[in-house]
Amino acid sequence: MTEFGCARCYGEDALTALAFCTTRLRETHRLVRQSHFGISLRECPECGQAFVAIFTEFVDWTGGEDAQYFDIVPLTRTEVTSLAAQGSRVDLATLGALGSVRRRLSSAWPTGADKTIAWRTDSLSVREGY
């Protein structure tokens, strides 16, 4: 597997990495901007590592605390070029496949459950929120 990132953006502690990534990664492209679904390409100011950030919210319309998911997946330069060219027509299956074959930073807050922040390497399904 290709090595990605630096100790700041891809370090071992997921909580520390998430704090850094959500405040310090620089957005280079906004592919999708919806109220419940967003995809952006970002870059680490420390090492230049590229990422795709995927936000999804599922509104249940019954009492708030809507499910929210945020995944940050490292990318190669070739992948950045391909995704940027796709723009808003980005292939969600491709994003899911990328996030399923390499370690990604994941924040999951399902409705009625505790929030978890972790490095994950399992299957990633990317779909539009609502």
Protein backbone atom coordinates (compact mmCIF):
# COMPACT_ATOMS: atom_id res chain seq x y z
CA MET A 1 0.00 0.00 0.00
CA THR A 2 1.22 3.51 -0.78
CA GLU A 3 2.20 5.61 2.21
CA PHE A 4 0.05 8.68 2.68
CA GLY A 5 0.27 11.91 4.62
CA CYS A 6 2.31 13.15 7.55
CA ALA A 7 2.03 12.86 11.32
CA ARG A 8 -0.38 15.82 11.37
CA CYS A 9 -2.91 14.77 8.72
CA TYR A 10 -2.48 10.98 8.80
CA GLY A 11 -1.04 10.27 12.25
CA GLU A 12 -2.04 7.32 14.40
CA ASP A 13 -4.48 9.12 16.74
CA ALA A 14 -7.77 9.55 14.87
CA LEU A 15 -9.16 12.29 17.14
CA THR A 16 -6.01 14.41 16.76
CA ALA A 17 -5.95 13.84 12.99
CA LEU A 18 -9.63 14.78 12.66
CA ALA A 19 -9.10 18.01 14.61
CA PHE A 20 -6.21 18.90 12.31
CA CYS A 21 -7.97 17.87 9.09
CA THR A 22 -11.22 19.72 9.81
CA THR A 23 -9.45 22.97 10.65
CA ARG A 24 -6.25 22.97 8.60
CA LEU A 25 -6.74 21.14 5.32
CA ARG A 26 -7.08 23.63 2.47
CA GLU A 27 -10.01 23.12 0.11
CA THR A 28 -8.80 22.97 -3.49
CA HIS A 29 -12.03 21.94 -5.27
CA ARG A 30 -15.68 21.78 -4.25
CA LEU A 31 -17.31 18.97 -6.20
CA VAL A 32 -20.73 18.79 -4.51
CA ARG A 33 -22.32 21.43 -2.29
CA GLN A 34 -25.74 20.42 -1.00
CA SER A 35 -27.26 21.01 2.41
CA HIS A 36 -27.05 17.32 3.37
CA PHE A 37 -24.24 16.12 1.12
CA GLY A 38 -20.86 17.59 0.27
CA ILE A 39 -17.70 16.44 -1.44
CA SER A 40 -14.51 18.46 -1.56
CA LEU A 41 -10.89 17.91 -2.47
CA ARG A 42 -8.46 19.14 0.16
CA GLU A 43 -4.72 19.38 0.74
CA CYS A 44 -2.53 19.25 3.83
CA PRO A 45 -0.57 22.49 4.32
CA GLU A 46 2.23 20.56 6.04
CA CYS A 47 3.01 17.82 3.52
CA GLY A 48 0.80 18.46 0.46
CA GLN A 49 -1.12 15.19 0.83
CA ALA A 50 -4.41 15.32 -1.07
CA PHE A 51 -7.71 14.06 0.33
CA VAL A 52 -11.35 13.82 -0.60
CA ALA A 53 -13.70 14.85 2.20
CA ILE A 54 -17.23 13.44 2.10
CA PHE A 55 -20.01 14.74 4.35
CA THR A 56 -23.42 13.05 4.46
CA GLU A 57 -26.42 13.79 6.65
CA PHE A 58 -29.66 11.81 6.77
CA VAL A 59 -32.55 13.88 8.13
CA ASP A 60 -35.21 11.77 9.83
CA TRP A 61 -37.63 14.65 10.54
CA THR A 62 -38.45 13.23 14.01
CA GLY A 63 -36.68 14.94 16.87
CA GLY A 64 -33.40 16.16 15.44
CA GLU A 65 -30.11 14.39 16.07
CA ASP A 66 -29.94 13.48 12.41
CA ALA A 67 -27.32 10.93 11.38
CA GLN A 68 -24.10 12.55 10.16
CA TYR A 69 -21.06 10.93 8.56
CA PHE A 70 -17.76 12.50 7.57
CA ASP A 71 -15.00 10.57 5.83
CA ILE A 72 -11.59 11.83 4.76
CA VAL A 73 -9.85 9.59 2.22
CA PRO A 74 -6.24 10.12 1.05
CA LEU A 75 -5.70 10.43 -2.69
CA THR A 76 -2.91 10.17 -5.21
CA ARG A 77 -2.31 13.10 -7.58
CA THR A 78 -3.74 11.07 -10.45
CA GLU A 79 -6.95 10.49 -8.47
CA VAL A 80 -7.21 14.21 -7.65
CA THR A 81 -6.93 15.10 -11.33
CA SER A 82 -9.60 12.56 -12.27
CA LEU A 83 -12.05 13.58 -9.52
CA ALA A 84 -11.58 17.31 -10.17
CA ALA A 85 -12.34 16.75 -13.87
CA GLN A 86 -15.59 14.95 -12.95
CA GLY A 87 -16.80 17.94 -10.92
CA SER A 88 -20.37 17.59 -9.65
CA ARG A 89 -20.79 14.41 -11.71
CA VAL A 90 -18.26 12.63 -9.50
CA ASP A 91 -18.69 8.86 -9.50
CA LEU A 92 -19.82 7.91 -5.97
CA ALA A 93 -18.98 4.24 -6.49
CA THR A 94 -15.39 5.21 -7.31
CA LEU A 95 -15.17 7.27 -4.10
CA GLY A 96 -16.49 4.33 -2.10
CA ALA A 97 -13.97 2.00 -3.71
CA LEU A 98 -11.07 4.35 -2.87
CA GLY A 99 -12.21 4.58 0.74
CA SER A 100 -12.54 0.82 0.98
CA VAL A 101 -8.97 -0.05 -0.04
CA ARG A 102 -6.96 2.34 2.14
CA ARG A 103 -7.10 3.71 5.64
CA ARG A 104 -9.52 6.61 5.95
CA LEU A 105 -10.49 8.94 8.77
CA SER A 106 -14.13 8.46 9.71
CA SER A 107 -16.51 10.32 11.99
CA ALA A 108 -19.87 8.56 12.36
CA TRP A 109 -22.79 9.86 14.41
CA PRO A 110 -25.82 7.65 13.75
CA THR A 111 -29.20 8.80 14.99
CA GLY A 112 -29.65 7.79 18.61
CA ALA A 113 -26.10 6.51 19.03
CA ASP A 114 -22.77 7.82 20.25
CA LYS A 115 -20.37 9.54 17.90
CA THR A 116 -17.31 7.52 16.89
CA ILE A 117 -14.08 8.80 15.39
CA ALA A 118 -11.69 6.20 14.05
CA TRP A 119 -9.33 5.13 11.31
CA ARG A 120 -11.22 2.62 9.19
CA THR A 121 -10.32 0.22 6.40
CA ASP A 122 -13.69 -1.45 5.87
CA SER A 123 -16.16 -0.92 3.05
CA LEU A 124 -17.23 2.68 2.35
CA SER A 125 -20.60 3.29 0.74
CA VAL A 126 -21.00 6.83 -0.60
CA ARG A 127 -24.53 8.03 -1.28
CA GLU A 128 -26.30 11.36 -1.24
CA GLY A 129 -27.83 12.50 2.01
CA TYR A 130 -31.36 13.80 2.32
